[in-house]
Amino acid sequence: MAILTKDEILARVKRGNIAFTPGLDSFQLQTHAVDLRLGFTFLVPKSWKMTSRGREALRIDPLKDHGPEYFDVIELEQGQCFELLPQEYVLVSTFETIKVPNDLMAVLYPRSSVNRKGLSVDLTGIVDSGYEGPLTLPMRNNTRSQVIQLHPGERICQIVFEQLSKKVKPRRSRWHQKDVVEKGAKEKGVEMKLVFSGDIRKLKSDFPAGK
């Protein structure tokens, strides 16, 4: 399978063949991948529930879907952050929804900067051909003593598009040189200022991809 380059991804986005909503900004584009941003929705697993028998532990049944009763849903407001406690596990949403055409599949990878914080993004890896919608990512704080702040809008993982040998019928489911380093640091400073302020829509509008 061939991996799409930045120019190929942008060409498909322009045609509407691959879609990101809201649209990509220039910080997200890599040579052969796209960084996805963290959304505002966090699902914190519950450990117990009240029943007719009293307070009972929640048990995960691998044969059943885990509905909303298994999670506390936290929706952050603009400018707020989520503090992930040591050893804590949560589910997070991507800010962008995506559409993958039926001649491609996609693979998700954690960003190395995320791993260096002590975070793990436990990705299942594959985004099926034909998938449309947001992505939900399991995330864990692997440290034993450090609280890690998560900011909606920060780049959290990478998506790589791979060309299939033929189209399929989708199954619907419910930098080293000095000048480059300096340029990257300046861009990241601009980007993160907007992330910390929570003004992600301004980031999107001021830095459209491909310009």
Protein backbone atom coordinates (compact mmCIF):
# COMPACT_ATOMS: atom_id res chain seq x y z
CA MET A 1 0.00 0.00 0.00
CA ALA A 2 1.17 3.53 -0.84
CA ILE A 3 1.06 6.28 1.78
CA LEU A 4 -0.35 9.63 0.68
CA THR A 5 1.92 12.67 0.84
CA LYS A 6 0.88 16.13 2.02
CA ASP A 7 0.20 17.37 -1.51
CA GLU A 8 -1.92 14.31 -2.29
CA ILE A 9 -3.90 14.73 0.92
CA LEU A 10 -4.53 18.41 0.17
CA ALA A 11 -5.62 17.61 -3.40
CA ARG A 12 -8.16 15.13 -2.10
CA VAL A 13 -9.36 17.56 0.56
CA LYS A 14 -9.89 20.20 -2.11
CA ARG A 15 -12.03 17.74 -4.11
CA GLY A 16 -13.98 16.74 -1.01
CA ASN A 17 -12.69 13.18 -1.27
CA ILE A 18 -11.08 13.38 2.19
CA ALA A 19 -12.85 15.67 4.62
CA PHE A 20 -11.94 17.30 7.93
CA THR A 21 -14.53 19.32 9.83
CA PRO A 22 -13.62 21.98 10.78
CA GLY A 23 -11.01 22.36 8.05
CA LEU A 24 -7.30 21.82 8.63
CA ASP A 25 -4.90 24.56 9.70
CA SER A 26 -1.29 24.81 8.52
CA PHE A 27 0.17 23.54 11.81
CA GLN A 28 -1.48 20.17 11.29
CA LEU A 29 0.13 19.30 7.96
CA GLN A 30 3.11 16.95 8.02
CA THR A 31 5.08 15.50 5.09
CA HIS A 32 2.91 12.40 4.90
CA ALA A 33 0.47 12.76 7.79
CA VAL A 34 -2.02 15.08 9.42
CA ASP A 35 -2.03 15.93 13.12
CA LEU A 36 -5.43 15.80 14.78
CA ARG A 37 -6.37 18.13 17.62
CA LEU A 38 -7.85 17.29 20.99
CA GLY A 39 -11.53 18.04 21.36
CA PHE A 40 -13.55 19.37 24.29
CA THR A 41 -15.23 16.12 25.35
CA PHE A 42 -13.72 13.80 27.97
CA LEU A 43 -15.23 10.54 29.19
CA VAL A 44 -14.11 9.54 32.68
CA PRO A 45 -14.85 5.90 33.58
CA LYS A 46 -17.09 5.37 36.56
CA SER A 47 -16.21 2.74 39.15
CA TRP A 48 -19.62 2.16 40.77
CA LYS A 49 -23.34 2.68 40.42
CA MET A 50 -26.41 2.61 42.66
CA THR A 51 -28.80 -0.30 42.16
CA SER A 52 -31.69 -1.81 44.10
CA ARG A 53 -29.06 -3.84 45.94
CA GLY A 54 -27.08 -0.76 46.92
CA ARG A 55 -23.70 0.56 45.75
CA GLU A 56 -22.24 -1.91 43.27
CA ALA A 57 -19.00 -1.93 41.31
CA LEU A 58 -19.26 -1.45 37.57
CA ARG A 59 -18.05 -4.52 35.74
CA ILE A 60 -16.95 -4.37 32.12
CA ASP A 61 -18.60 -7.02 29.98
CA PRO A 62 -16.56 -7.41 26.77
CA LEU A 63 -19.60 -8.81 24.97
CA LYS A 64 -21.67 -5.67 25.54
CA ASP A 65 -21.38 -2.07 24.44
CA HIS A 66 -20.29 0.29 27.20
CA GLY A 67 -22.96 2.95 27.27
CA PRO A 68 -23.03 6.37 28.92
CA GLU A 69 -23.80 4.83 32.30
CA TYR A 70 -20.17 3.71 32.42
CA PHE A 71 -18.76 7.25 32.09
CA ASP A 72 -18.96 10.75 33.48
CA VAL A 73 -19.05 13.02 30.43
CA ILE A 74 -17.11 16.28 30.85
CA GLU A 75 -17.55 19.06 28.29
CA LEU A 76 -14.94 21.79 28.70
CA GLU A 77 -15.52 25.42 27.86
CA GLN A 78 -13.18 27.64 25.85
CA GLY A 79 -9.94 28.27 27.76
CA GLN A 80 -10.43 25.41 30.21
CA CYS A 81 -8.05 22.45 30.55
CA PHE A 82 -8.42 18.89 31.80
CA GLU A 83 -5.98 17.69 34.47
CA LEU A 84 -5.25 14.00 34.01
CA LEU A 85 -4.29 12.42 37.32
CA PRO A 86 -1.39 9.94 37.75
CA GLN A 87 -2.38 6.52 36.36
CA GLU A 88 -5.77 7.88 35.31
CA TYR A 89 -7.43 6.61 32.14
CA VAL A 90 -9.94 8.58 30.08
CA LEU A 91 -11.48 8.60 26.63
CA VAL A 92 -11.02 11.80 24.63
CA SER A 93 -12.55 13.03 21.40
CA THR A 94 -10.77 14.60 18.46
CA PHE A 95 -11.72 18.19 17.61
CA GLU A 96 -12.04 17.30 13.94
CA THR A 97 -14.46 14.85 12.43
CA ILE A 98 -13.11 13.01 9.39
CA LYS A 99 -14.33 11.29 6.25
CA VAL A 100 -12.26 8.51 4.66
CA PRO A 101 -13.09 7.55 1.04
CA ASN A 102 -13.57 3.95 -0.06
CA ASP A 103 -10.18 3.66 -1.82
CA LEU A 104 -8.21 4.58 1.33
CA MET A 105 -7.75 3.42 4.88
CA ALA A 106 -6.13 5.41 7.67
CA VAL A 107 -3.79 4.58 10.55
CA LEU A 108 -3.54 6.56 13.77
CA TYR A 109 -0.25 7.09 15.62
CA PRO A 110 0.51 8.98 18.84
CA ARG A 111 2.75 12.04 18.49
CA SER A 112 6.21 11.64 20.04
CA SER A 113 5.77 14.87 22.03
CA VAL A 114 2.71 13.33 23.67
CA ASN A 115 4.66 10.24 24.70
CA ARG A 116 7.44 12.37 26.20
CA LYS A 117 4.94 13.92 28.61
CA GLY A 118 4.28 10.50 30.09
CA LEU A 119 1.02 10.10 28.23
CA SER A 120 0.03 7.11 26.20
CA VAL A 121 -2.58 7.33 23.48
CA ASP A 122 -3.70 3.73 23.24
CA LEU A 123 -4.79 3.68 19.64
CA THR A 124 -6.49 0.76 17.98
CA GLY A 125 -4.66 1.92 14.85
CA ILE A 126 -7.07 1.46 11.95
CA VAL A 127 -9.68 3.89 10.69
CA ASP A 128 -11.84 1.95 8.27
CA SER A 129 -12.39 2.89 4.67
CA GLY A 130 -15.63 4.81 4.40
CA TYR A 131 -15.64 5.98 8.02
CA GLU A 132 -17.23 9.34 8.76
CA GLY A 133 -17.31 11.03 12.15
CA PRO A 134 -15.20 11.99 15.16
CA LEU A 135 -12.55 9.73 16.65
CA THR A 136 -12.47 8.63 20.28
CA LEU A 137 -9.02 7.95 21.75
CA PRO A 138 -8.14 6.11 24.97
CA MET A 139 -5.54 8.09 26.94
CA ARG A 140 -3.60 7.31 30.11
CA ASN A 141 -1.25 9.23 32.41
CA ASN A 142 1.61 6.74 32.90
CA THR A 143 3.38 8.76 35.60
CA ARG A 144 3.00 7.93 39.30
CA SER A 145 3.19 11.45 40.70
CA GLN A 146 2.62 14.06 37.98
CA VAL A 147 -0.65 15.65 36.94
CA ILE A 148 -0.67 16.30 33.17
CA GLN A 149 -2.74 19.11 31.72
CA LEU A 150 -4.62 18.44 28.51
CA HIS A 151 -5.71 21.46 26.47
CA PRO A 152 -8.47 21.21 23.88
CA GLY A 153 -6.97 22.15 20.54
CA GLU A 154 -3.48 20.75 21.15
CA ARG A 155 -2.27 18.27 18.55
CA ILE A 156 -2.67 14.85 20.07
CA CYS A 157 -2.14 12.20 17.35
CA GLN A 158 -1.32 11.73 13.66
CA ILE A 159 -3.41 10.18 10.93
CA VAL A 160 -1.75 8.54 7.92
CA PHE A 161 -3.71 7.66 4.77
CA GLU A 162 -2.87 4.51 2.83
CA GLN A 163 -4.04 3.71 -0.69
CA LEU A 164 -5.91 0.42 -1.10
CA SER A 165 -5.21 -1.84 -4.08
CA LYS A 166 -8.86 -1.41 -5.06
CA LYS A 167 -11.95 0.34 -3.80
CA VAL A 168 -13.98 -1.43 -1.16
CA LYS A 169 -17.58 -1.25 -0.05
CA PRO A 170 -17.49 0.58 3.26
CA ARG A 171 -19.01 -1.11 6.27
CA ARG A 172 -20.83 1.52 8.24
CA SER A 173 -20.18 1.31 11.96
CA ARG A 174 -22.46 2.68 14.69
CA TRP A 175 12.82 19.39 11.75
CA HIS A 176 17.17 19.55 12.07
CA GLN A 177 18.54 22.65 10.34
CA LYS A 178 18.81 25.83 12.44
CA ASP A 179 16.45 27.94 10.34
CA VAL A 180 13.84 25.19 10.29
CA VAL A 181 14.05 24.69 14.06
CA GLU A 182 13.66 28.43 14.68
CA LYS A 183 10.70 28.59 12.29
CA GLY A 184 9.08 25.63 14.04
CA ALA A 185 9.54 27.18 17.49
CA LYS A 186 7.98 30.46 16.33
CA GLU A 187 5.02 28.69 14.75
CA LYS A 188 4.45 26.55 17.83
CA GLY A 189 4.50 29.68 20.02
CA VAL A 190 1.75 31.27 17.91
CA GLU A 191 -0.22 28.05 17.83
CA MET A 192 -0.06 27.30 21.55
CA LYS A 193 -0.98 30.86 22.49
CA LEU A 194 -4.27 30.31 20.69
CA VAL A 195 -4.64 26.82 22.18
CA PHE A 196 -4.16 28.08 25.74
CA SER A 197 -6.66 30.88 25.18
CA GLY A 198 -9.10 28.28 23.90
CA ASP A 199 -9.68 30.21 20.67
CA ILE A 200 -9.37 27.20 18.35
CA ARG A 201 -11.73 28.62 15.76
CA LYS A 202 -9.47 31.68 15.33
CA LEU A 203 -6.52 29.29 14.92
CA LYS A 204 -8.44 27.51 12.18
CA SER A 205 -9.48 30.69 10.39
CA ASP A 206 -6.09 32.47 10.62
CA PHE A 207 -3.99 29.49 9.52
CA PRO A 208 -5.86 27.58 6.80
CA ALA A 209 -4.01 24.61 5.35
CA GLY A 210 -2.34 24.93 1.96
CA LYS A 211 -1.72 28.66 2.16
